[in-house]
């Protein structure tokens, strides 16, 4: 089991999209600056806005890359408010 996750920092007013088998643990890592070269080290107030369970890691990575390629805060907010678009994106990729 794997997850696509989206976290948000109020301090930065930014979202970050990632994938992990354990989003709660990954959030702790982001907030403690475990990833020294990661964008998320700029804040320590990250909160999870979305956890979307996928069948495989490949699906989670596909969705993560798809969202990052969009480079759109509005798109991320749409995904958060309407996670039903994610299975549609996966179905179109097949």
PDB file of N, CA and C in Angstrom:
ATOM      1  N   UNK A   1       0.843  -1.171   0.000  1.00  0.00           N
ATOM      2  CA  UNK A   1       0.000   0.000   0.000  1.00  0.00           C
ATOM      3  C   UNK A   1       0.897   1.247   0.000  1.00  0.00           C
ATOM      4  N   UNK A   2       0.518   2.201  -0.840  1.00  0.00           N
ATOM      5  CA  UNK A   2       1.300   3.423  -0.987  1.00  0.00           C
ATOM      6  C   UNK A   2       0.345   4.604  -1.074  1.00  0.00           C
ATOM      7  N   UNK A   3       0.849   5.772  -0.774  1.00  0.00           N
ATOM      8  CA  UNK A   3       0.011   6.967  -0.753  1.00  0.00           C
ATOM      9  C   UNK A   3       0.642   8.114  -1.534  1.00  0.00           C
ATOM     10  N   UNK A   4      -0.201   8.876  -2.179  1.00  0.00           N
ATOM     11  CA  UNK A   4       0.135  10.208  -2.644  1.00  0.00           C
ATOM     12  C   UNK A   4      -0.278  11.117  -1.488  1.00  0.00           C
ATOM     13  N   UNK A   5       0.553  12.087  -1.151  1.00  0.00           N
ATOM     14  CA  UNK A   5       0.161  13.023  -0.102  1.00  0.00           C
ATOM     15  C   UNK A   5       0.458  14.446  -0.538  1.00  0.00           C
ATOM     16  N   UNK A   6      -0.329  15.360  -0.015  1.00  0.00           N
ATOM     17  CA  UNK A   6      -0.101  16.786  -0.230  1.00  0.00           C
ATOM     18  C   UNK A   6      -0.071  17.424   1.145  1.00  0.00           C
ATOM     19  N   UNK A   7       1.011  18.169   1.414  1.00  0.00           N
ATOM     20  CA  UNK A   7       1.136  18.882   2.676  1.00  0.00           C
ATOM     21  C   UNK A   7       1.157  20.377   2.393  1.00  0.00           C
ATOM     22  N   UNK A   8       0.844  21.146   3.434  1.00  0.00           N
ATOM     23  CA  UNK A   8       0.747  22.599   3.281  1.00  0.00           C
ATOM     24  C   UNK A   8       1.438  23.284   4.449  1.00  0.00           C
ATOM     25  N   UNK A   9       2.147  24.368   4.136  1.00  0.00           N
ATOM     26  CA  UNK A   9       2.765  25.214   5.154  1.00  0.00           C
ATOM     27  C   UNK A   9       2.103  26.584   5.115  1.00  0.00           C
ATOM     28  N   UNK A  10       1.506  26.961   6.234  1.00  0.00           N
ATOM     29  CA  UNK A  10       0.906  28.299   6.317  1.00  0.00           C
ATOM     30  C   UNK A  10       2.003  29.364   6.294  1.00  0.00           C
ATOM     31  N   UNK A  11       3.128  29.086   6.929  1.00  0.00           N
ATOM     32  CA  UNK A  11       4.253  30.027   6.965  1.00  0.00           C
ATOM     33  C   UNK A  11       4.695  30.408   5.550  1.00  0.00           C
ATOM     34  N   UNK A  12       4.804  29.416   4.677  1.00  0.00           N
ATOM     35  CA  UNK A  12       5.240  29.651   3.301  1.00  0.00           C
ATOM     36  C   UNK A  12       4.080  29.897   2.347  1.00  0.00           C
ATOM     37  N   UNK A  13       2.873  29.521   2.786  1.00  0.00           N
ATOM     38  CA  UNK A  13       1.694  29.539   1.919  1.00  0.00           C
ATOM     39  C   UNK A  13       1.966  28.720   0.651  1.00  0.00           C
ATOM     40  N   UNK A  14       2.524  27.528   0.866  1.00  0.00           N
ATOM     41  CA  UNK A  14       2.889  26.640  -0.241  1.00  0.00           C
ATOM     42  C   UNK A  14       2.472  25.215   0.068  1.00  0.00           C
ATOM     43  N   UNK A  15       2.289  24.470  -1.030  1.00  0.00           N
ATOM     44  CA  UNK A  15       1.987  23.044  -0.949  1.00  0.00           C
ATOM     45  C   UNK A  15       3.212  22.253  -1.382  1.00  0.00           C
ATOM     46  N   UNK A  16       3.285  21.023  -0.908  1.00  0.00           N
ATOM     47  CA  UNK A  16       4.301  20.079  -1.358  1.00  0.00           C
ATOM     48  C   UNK A  16       3.606  18.753  -1.608  1.00  0.00           C
ATOM     49  N   UNK A  17       3.923  18.140  -2.722  1.00  0.00           N
ATOM     50  CA  UNK A  17       3.332  16.857  -3.108  1.00  0.00           C
ATOM     51  C   UNK A  17       4.408  15.781  -3.048  1.00  0.00           C
ATOM     52  N   UNK A  18       4.061  14.625  -2.470  1.00  0.00           N
ATOM     53  CA  UNK A  18       5.011  13.532  -2.380  1.00  0.00           C
ATOM     54  C   UNK A  18       4.302  12.186  -2.347  1.00  0.00           C
ATOM     55  N   UNK A  19       5.093  11.130  -2.196  1.00  0.00           N
ATOM     56  CA  UNK A  19       4.548   9.778  -2.100  1.00  0.00           C
ATOM     57  C   UNK A  19       5.285   9.045  -1.009  1.00  0.00           C
ATOM     58  N   UNK A  20       4.562   8.145  -0.341  1.00  0.00           N
ATOM     59  CA  UNK A  20       5.161   7.413   0.774  1.00  0.00           C
ATOM     60  C   UNK A  20       4.251   6.256   1.182  1.00  0.00           C
ATOM     61  N   UNK A  21       4.822   5.199   1.751  1.00  0.00           N
ATOM     62  CA  UNK A  21       3.975   4.152   2.321  1.00  0.00           C
ATOM     63  C   UNK A  21       3.386   4.583   3.674  1.00  0.00           C
ATOM     64  N   UNK A  22       3.947   5.651   4.270  1.00  0.00           N
ATOM     65  CA  UNK A  22       3.502   6.111   5.589  1.00  0.00           C
ATOM     66  C   UNK A  22       3.532   7.641   5.644  1.00  0.00           C
ATOM     67  N   UNK A  23       2.473   8.303   5.169  1.00  0.00           N
ATOM     68  CA  UNK A  23       2.470   9.766   5.123  1.00  0.00           C
ATOM     69  C   UNK A  23       2.623  10.436   6.488  1.00  0.00           C
ATOM     70  N   UNK A  24       2.104   9.830   7.542  1.00  0.00           N
ATOM     71  CA  UNK A  24       2.224  10.426   8.884  1.00  0.00           C
ATOM     72  C   UNK A  24       3.698  10.491   9.314  1.00  0.00           C
ATOM     73  N   UNK A  25       4.416   9.410   9.078  1.00  0.00           N
ATOM     74  CA  UNK A  25       5.850   9.390   9.406  1.00  0.00           C
ATOM     75  C   UNK A  25       6.608  10.373   8.511  1.00  0.00           C
ATOM     76  N   UNK A  26       6.239  10.417   7.246  1.00  0.00           N
ATOM     77  CA  UNK A  26       6.903  11.333   6.315  1.00  0.00           C
ATOM     78  C   UNK A  26       6.679  12.782   6.734  1.00  0.00           C
ATOM     79  N   UNK A  27       5.496  13.102   7.245  1.00  0.00           N
ATOM     80  CA  UNK A  27       5.216  14.454   7.725  1.00  0.00           C
ATOM     81  C   UNK A  27       6.170  14.818   8.868  1.00  0.00           C
ATOM     82  N   UNK A  28       6.373  13.903   9.779  1.00  0.00           N
ATOM     83  CA  UNK A  28       7.323  14.134  10.883  1.00  0.00           C
ATOM     84  C   UNK A  28       8.714  14.417  10.320  1.00  0.00           C
ATOM     85  N   UNK A  29       9.103  13.658   9.309  1.00  0.00           N
ATOM     86  CA  UNK A  29      10.417  13.874   8.694  1.00  0.00           C
ATOM     87  C   UNK A  29      10.508  15.258   8.053  1.00  0.00           C
ATOM     88  N   UNK A  30       9.448  15.677   7.348  1.00  0.00           N
ATOM     89  CA  UNK A  30       9.462  17.005   6.730  1.00  0.00           C
ATOM     90  C   UNK A  30       9.577  18.093   7.790  1.00  0.00           C
ATOM     91  N   UNK A  31       8.798  17.983   8.853  1.00  0.00           N
ATOM     92  CA  UNK A  31       8.793  19.020   9.885  1.00  0.00           C
ATOM     93  C   UNK A  31      10.072  19.052  10.726  1.00  0.00           C
ATOM     94  N   UNK A  32      10.806  17.955  10.753  1.00  0.00           N
ATOM     95  CA  UNK A  32      12.057  17.912  11.515  1.00  0.00           C
ATOM     96  C   UNK A  32      13.275  18.133  10.614  1.00  0.00           C
ATOM     97  N   UNK A  33      13.036  18.463   9.357  1.00  0.00           N
ATOM     98  CA  UNK A  33      14.104  18.755   8.376  1.00  0.00           C
ATOM     99  C   UNK A  33      15.023  17.557   8.146  1.00  0.00           C
ATOM    100  N   UNK A  34      14.426  16.382   8.160  1.00  0.00           N
ATOM    101  CA  UNK A  34      15.177  15.149   7.889  1.00  0.00           C
ATOM    102  C   UNK A  34      15.781  15.192   6.482  1.00  0.00           C
ATOM    103  N   UNK A  35      15.054  15.774   5.553  1.00  0.00           N
ATOM    104  CA  UNK A  35      15.521  15.885   4.168  1.00  0.00           C
ATOM    105  C   UNK A  35      16.227  17.230   4.011  1.00  0.00           C
ATOM    106  N   UNK A  36      17.536  17.237   4.152  1.00  0.00           N
ATOM    107  CA  UNK A  36      18.319  18.472   4.191  1.00  0.00           C
ATOM    108  C   UNK A  36      18.267  19.285   2.897  1.00  0.00           C
ATOM    109  N   UNK A  37      18.132  18.627   1.767  1.00  0.00           N
ATOM    110  CA  UNK A  37      18.132  19.332   0.491  1.00  0.00           C
ATOM    111  C   UNK A  37      16.741  19.479  -0.101  1.00  0.00           C
ATOM    112  N   UNK A  38      15.732  19.262   0.707  1.00  0.00           N
ATOM    113  CA  UNK A  38      14.354  19.282   0.232  1.00  0.00           C
ATOM    114  C   UNK A  38      13.745  20.669   0.417  1.00  0.00           C
ATOM    115  N   UNK A  39      12.831  21.009  -0.461  1.00  0.00           N
ATOM    116  CA  UNK A  39      12.096  22.272  -0.389  1.00  0.00           C
ATOM    117  C   UNK A  39      11.420  22.467   0.957  1.00  0.00           C
ATOM    118  N   UNK A  40      10.984  21.383   1.589  1.00  0.00           N
ATOM    119  CA  UNK A  40      10.212  21.480   2.831  1.00  0.00           C
ATOM    120  C   UNK A  40      11.044  21.921   4.030  1.00  0.00           C
ATOM    121  N   UNK A  41      12.356  21.990   3.898  1.00  0.00           N
ATOM    122  CA  UNK A  41      13.176  22.417   5.035  1.00  0.00           C
ATOM    123  C   UNK A  41      12.970  23.893   5.374  1.00  0.00           C
ATOM    124  N   UNK A  42      12.306  24.643   4.515  1.00  0.00           N
ATOM    125  CA  UNK A  42      12.085  26.072   4.727  1.00  0.00           C
ATOM    126  C   UNK A  42      11.015  26.354   5.774  1.00  0.00           C
ATOM    127  N   UNK A  43      10.310  25.329   6.240  1.00  0.00           N
ATOM    128  CA  UNK A  43       9.258  25.525   7.247  1.00  0.00           C
ATOM    129  C   UNK A  43       9.186  24.299   8.145  1.00  0.00           C
ATOM    130  N   UNK A  44       8.487  24.465   9.263  1.00  0.00           N
ATOM    131  CA  UNK A  44       8.299  23.340  10.184  1.00  0.00           C
ATOM    132  C   UNK A  44       6.853  23.237  10.627  1.00  0.00           C
ATOM    133  N   UNK A  45       5.967  23.844   9.842  1.00  0.00           N
ATOM    134  CA  UNK A  45       4.536  23.826  10.197  1.00  0.00           C
ATOM    135  C   UNK A  45       3.693  23.073   9.159  1.00  0.00           C
ATOM    136  N   UNK A  46       4.308  22.098   8.494  1.00  0.00           N
ATOM    137  CA  UNK A  46       3.602  21.346   7.457  1.00  0.00           C
ATOM    138  C   UNK A  46       2.463  20.536   8.077  1.00  0.00           C
ATOM    139  N   UNK A  47       1.332  20.535   7.381  1.00  0.00           N
ATOM    140  CA  UNK A  47       0.193  19.700   7.781  1.00  0.00           C
ATOM    141  C   UNK A  47      -0.290  18.931   6.559  1.00  0.00           C
ATOM    142  N   UNK A  48      -0.836  17.763   6.781  1.00  0.00           N
ATOM    143  CA  UNK A  48      -1.347  16.953   5.680  1.00  0.00           C
ATOM    144  C   UNK A  48      -2.702  17.487   5.249  1.00  0.00           C
ATOM    145  N   UNK A  49      -2.818  17.777   3.964  1.00  0.00           N
ATOM    146  CA  UNK A  49      -4.080  18.222   3.386  1.00  0.00           C
ATOM    147  C   UNK A  49      -4.775  17.098   2.627  1.00  0.00           C
ATOM    148  N   UNK A  50      -3.979  16.119   2.140  1.00  0.00           N
ATOM    149  CA  UNK A  50      -4.552  15.006   1.389  1.00  0.00           C
ATOM    150  C   UNK A  50      -3.683  13.773   1.529  1.00  0.00           C
ATOM    151  N   UNK A  51      -4.328  12.645   1.771  1.00  0.00           N
ATOM    152  CA  UNK A  51      -3.698  11.319   1.680  1.00  0.00           C
ATOM    153  C   UNK A  51      -4.565  10.523   0.729  1.00  0.00           C
ATOM    154  N   UNK A  52      -3.978  10.041  -0.352  1.00  0.00           N
ATOM    155  CA  UNK A  52      -4.734   9.261  -1.329  1.00  0.00           C
ATOM    156  C   UNK A  52      -4.054   7.917  -1.494  1.00  0.00           C
ATOM    157  N   UNK A  53      -4.755   6.855  -1.111  1.00  0.00           N
ATOM    158  CA  UNK A  53      -4.194   5.500  -1.172  1.00  0.00           C
ATOM    159  C   UNK A  53      -4.190   5.000  -2.613  1.00  0.00           C
ATOM    160  N   UNK A  54      -3.044   4.475  -3.021  1.00  0.00           N
ATOM    161  CA  UNK A  54      -2.916   3.877  -4.355  1.00  0.00           C
ATOM    162  C   UNK A  54      -2.612   2.394  -4.199  1.00  0.00           C
ATOM    163  N   UNK A  55      -2.806   1.654  -5.282  1.00  0.00           N
ATOM    164  CA  UNK A  55      -2.538   0.210  -5.230  1.00  0.00           C
ATOM    165  C   UNK A  55      -1.050  -0.088  -5.242  1.00  0.00           C
ATOM    166  N   UNK A  56      -0.287   0.774  -5.930  1.00  0.00           N
ATOM    167  CA  UNK A  56       1.148   0.517  -6.079  1.00  0.00           C
ATOM    168  C   UNK A  56       1.940   1.813  -5.902  1.00  0.00           C
ATOM    169  N   UNK A  57       3.216   1.656  -5.661  1.00  0.00           N
ATOM    170  CA  UNK A  57       4.115   2.823  -5.572  1.00  0.00           C
ATOM    171  C   UNK A  57       4.169   3.529  -6.923  1.00  0.00           C
ATOM    172  N   UNK A  58       4.162   2.764  -8.005  1.00  0.00           N
ATOM    173  CA  UNK A  58       4.206   3.366  -9.343  1.00  0.00           C
ATOM    174  C   UNK A  58       3.028   4.314  -9.568  1.00  0.00           C
ATOM    175  N   UNK A  59       1.840   3.939  -9.098  1.00  0.00           N
ATOM    176  CA  UNK A  59       0.675   4.823  -9.239  1.00  0.00           C
ATOM    177  C   UNK A  59       0.875   6.110  -8.443  1.00  0.00           C
ATOM    178  N   UNK A  60       1.380   5.988  -7.230  1.00  0.00           N
ATOM    179  CA  UNK A  60       1.616   7.167  -6.397  1.00  0.00           C
ATOM    180  C   UNK A  60       2.648   8.091  -7.042  1.00  0.00           C
ATOM    181  N   UNK A  61       3.709   7.510  -7.582  1.00  0.00           N
ATOM    182  CA  UNK A  61       4.745   8.303  -8.255  1.00  0.00           C
ATOM    183  C   UNK A  61       4.175   8.972  -9.504  1.00  0.00           C
ATOM    184  N   UNK A  62       3.363   8.246 -10.260  1.00  0.00           N
ATOM    185  CA  UNK A  62       2.748   8.827 -11.457  1.00  0.00           C
ATOM    186  C   UNK A  62       1.915  10.055 -11.087  1.00  0.00           C
ATOM    187  N   UNK A  63       1.073   9.912 -10.052  1.00  0.00           N
ATOM    188  CA  UNK A  63       0.228  11.038  -9.630  1.00  0.00           C
ATOM    189  C   UNK A  63       1.069  12.196  -9.108  1.00  0.00           C
ATOM    190  N   UNK A  64       2.094  11.892  -8.339  1.00  0.00           N
ATOM    191  CA  UNK A  64       2.981  12.942  -7.816  1.00  0.00           C
ATOM    192  C   UNK A  64       3.593  13.736  -8.975  1.00  0.00           C
ATOM    193  N   UNK A  65       4.124  13.044  -9.940  1.00  0.00           N
ATOM    194  CA  UNK A  65       4.757  13.722 -11.090  1.00  0.00           C
ATOM    195  C   UNK A  65       3.735  14.499 -11.913  1.00  0.00           C
ATOM    196  N   UNK A  66       2.554  13.918 -12.082  1.00  0.00           N
ATOM    197  CA  UNK A  66       1.496  14.592 -12.834  1.00  0.00           C
ATOM    198  C   UNK A  66       1.152  15.928 -12.179  1.00  0.00           C
ATOM    199  N   UNK A  67       0.962  15.902 -10.872  1.00  0.00           N
ATOM    200  CA  UNK A  67       0.601  17.121 -10.141  1.00  0.00           C
ATOM    201  C   UNK A  67       1.745  18.132 -10.198  1.00  0.00           C
ATOM    202  N   UNK A  68       2.968  17.676 -10.002  1.00  0.00           N
ATOM    203  CA  UNK A  68       4.112  18.591 -10.038  1.00  0.00           C
ATOM    204  C   UNK A  68       4.297  19.206 -11.429  1.00  0.00           C
ATOM    205  N   UNK A  69       4.029  18.453 -12.484  1.00  0.00           N
ATOM    206  CA  UNK A  69       4.146  18.987 -13.844  1.00  0.00           C
ATOM    207  C   UNK A  69       3.120  20.081 -14.117  1.00  0.00           C
ATOM    208  N   UNK A  70       1.988  20.028 -13.441  1.00  0.00           N
ATOM    209  CA  UNK A  70       0.952  21.040 -13.628  1.00  0.00           C
ATOM    210  C   UNK A  70       1.423  22.405 -13.128  1.00  0.00           C
ATOM    211  N   UNK A  71       2.306  22.418 -12.146  1.00  0.00           N
ATOM    212  CA  UNK A  71       2.846  23.655 -11.576  1.00  0.00           C
ATOM    213  C   UNK A  71       1.752  24.673 -11.287  1.00  0.00           C
ATOM    214  N   UNK A  72       0.707  24.207 -10.624  1.00  0.00           N
ATOM    215  CA  UNK A  72      -0.459  25.050 -10.397  1.00  0.00           C
ATOM    216  C   UNK A  72      -1.006  24.863  -8.982  1.00  0.00           C
ATOM    217  N   UNK A  73      -0.988  25.928  -8.227  1.00  0.00           N
ATOM    218  CA  UNK A  73      -1.568  25.905  -6.883  1.00  0.00           C
ATOM    219  C   UNK A  73      -3.075  25.662  -6.970  1.00  0.00           C
ATOM    220  N   UNK A  74      -3.708  26.247  -7.984  1.00  0.00           N
ATOM    221  CA  UNK A  74      -5.155  26.055  -8.168  1.00  0.00           C
ATOM    222  C   UNK A  74      -5.476  24.590  -8.435  1.00  0.00           C
ATOM    223  N   UNK A  75      -4.645  23.922  -9.236  1.00  0.00           N
ATOM    224  CA  UNK A  75      -4.869  22.510  -9.515  1.00  0.00           C
ATOM    225  C   UNK A  75      -4.715  21.682  -8.238  1.00  0.00           C
ATOM    226  N   UNK A  76      -3.696  21.980  -7.446  1.00  0.00           N
ATOM    227  CA  UNK A  76      -3.494  21.254  -6.184  1.00  0.00           C
ATOM    228  C   UNK A  76      -4.706  21.446  -5.273  1.00  0.00           C
ATOM    229  N   UNK A  77      -5.210  22.662  -5.198  1.00  0.00           N
ATOM    230  CA  UNK A  77      -6.373  22.917  -4.353  1.00  0.00           C
ATOM    231  C   UNK A  77      -7.614  22.202  -4.875  1.00  0.00           C
ATOM    232  N   UNK A  78      -7.703  22.058  -6.204  1.00  0.00           N
ATOM    233  CA  UNK A  78      -8.814  21.293  -6.781  1.00  0.00           C
ATOM    234  C   UNK A  78      -8.691  19.818  -6.391  1.00  0.00           C
ATOM    235  N   UNK A  79      -7.501  19.271  -6.472  1.00  0.00           N
ATOM    236  CA  UNK A  79      -7.274  17.867  -6.098  1.00  0.00           C
ATOM    237  C   UNK A  79      -7.634  17.655  -4.625  1.00  0.00           C
ATOM    238  N   UNK A  80      -7.259  18.604  -3.772  1.00  0.00           N
ATOM    239  CA  UNK A  80      -7.563  18.490  -2.346  1.00  0.00           C
ATOM    240  C   UNK A  80      -9.077  18.518  -2.123  1.00  0.00           C
ATOM    241  N   UNK A  81      -9.766  19.405  -2.824  1.00  0.00           N
ATOM    242  CA  UNK A  81     -11.216  19.525  -2.622  1.00  0.00           C
ATOM    243  C   UNK A  81     -12.007  18.444  -3.356  1.00  0.00           C
ATOM    244  N   UNK A  82     -11.432  17.904  -4.427  1.00  0.00           N
ATOM    245  CA  UNK A  82     -12.105  16.866  -5.218  1.00  0.00           C
ATOM    246  C   UNK A  82     -11.139  15.725  -5.531  1.00  0.00           C
ATOM    247  N   UNK A  83     -10.785  14.915  -4.531  1.00  0.00           N
ATOM    248  CA  UNK A  83      -9.837  13.827  -4.784  1.00  0.00           C
ATOM    249  C   UNK A  83     -10.331  12.792  -5.797  1.00  0.00           C
ATOM    250  N   UNK A  84     -11.610  12.862  -6.152  1.00  0.00           N
ATOM    251  CA  UNK A  84     -12.142  11.922  -7.148  1.00  0.00           C
ATOM    252  C   UNK A  84     -11.498  12.111  -8.519  1.00  0.00           C
ATOM    253  N   UNK A  85     -10.798  13.215  -8.754  1.00  0.00           N
ATOM    254  CA  UNK A  85     -10.111  13.406 -10.034  1.00  0.00           C
ATOM    255  C   UNK A  85      -8.893  12.490 -10.153  1.00  0.00           C
ATOM    256  N   UNK A  86      -8.352  12.034  -9.026  1.00  0.00           N
ATOM    257  CA  UNK A  86      -7.131  11.219  -9.072  1.00  0.00           C
ATOM    258  C   UNK A  86      -7.344   9.860  -9.747  1.00  0.00           C
ATOM    259  N   UNK A  87      -8.405   9.101  -9.413  1.00  0.00           N
ATOM    260  CA  UNK A  87      -8.610   7.849 -10.149  1.00  0.00           C
ATOM    261  C   UNK A  87      -8.850   8.100 -11.640  1.00  0.00           C
ATOM    262  N   UNK A  88      -9.491   9.216 -11.961  1.00  0.00           N
ATOM    263  CA  UNK A  88      -9.706   9.554 -13.377  1.00  0.00           C
ATOM    264  C   UNK A  88      -8.368   9.772 -14.090  1.00  0.00           C
ATOM    265  N   UNK A  89      -7.442  10.448 -13.426  1.00  0.00           N
ATOM    266  CA  UNK A  89      -6.113  10.673 -13.999  1.00  0.00           C
ATOM    267  C   UNK A  89      -5.412   9.333 -14.201  1.00  0.00           C
ATOM    268  N   UNK A  90      -5.497   8.454 -13.220  1.00  0.00           N
ATOM    269  CA  UNK A  90      -4.872   7.132 -13.339  1.00  0.00           C
ATOM    270  C   UNK A  90      -5.491   6.335 -14.475  1.00  0.00           C
ATOM    271  N   UNK A  91      -6.812   6.381 -14.626  1.00  0.00           N
ATOM    272  CA  UNK A  91      -7.489   5.632 -15.691  1.00  0.00           C
ATOM    273  C   UNK A  91      -7.086   6.118 -17.068  1.00  0.00           C
ATOM    274  N   UNK A  92      -6.887   7.415 -17.221  1.00  0.00           N
ATOM    275  CA  UNK A  92      -6.474   7.962 -18.528  1.00  0.00           C
ATOM    276  C   UNK A  92      -5.049   7.575 -18.881  1.00  0.00           C
ATOM    277  N   UNK A  93      -4.254   7.278 -17.844  1.00  0.00           N
ATOM    278  CA  UNK A  93      -2.844   6.909 -18.076  1.00  0.00           C
ATOM    279  C   UNK A  93      -2.707   5.488 -18.586  1.00  0.00           C
ATOM    280  N   UNK A  94      -3.731   4.678 -18.423  1.00  0.00           N
ATOM    281  CA  UNK A  94      -3.651   3.256 -18.814  1.00  0.00           C
ATOM    282  C   UNK A  94      -3.831   3.058 -20.284  1.00  0.00           C
TER     283      UNK A  94
END
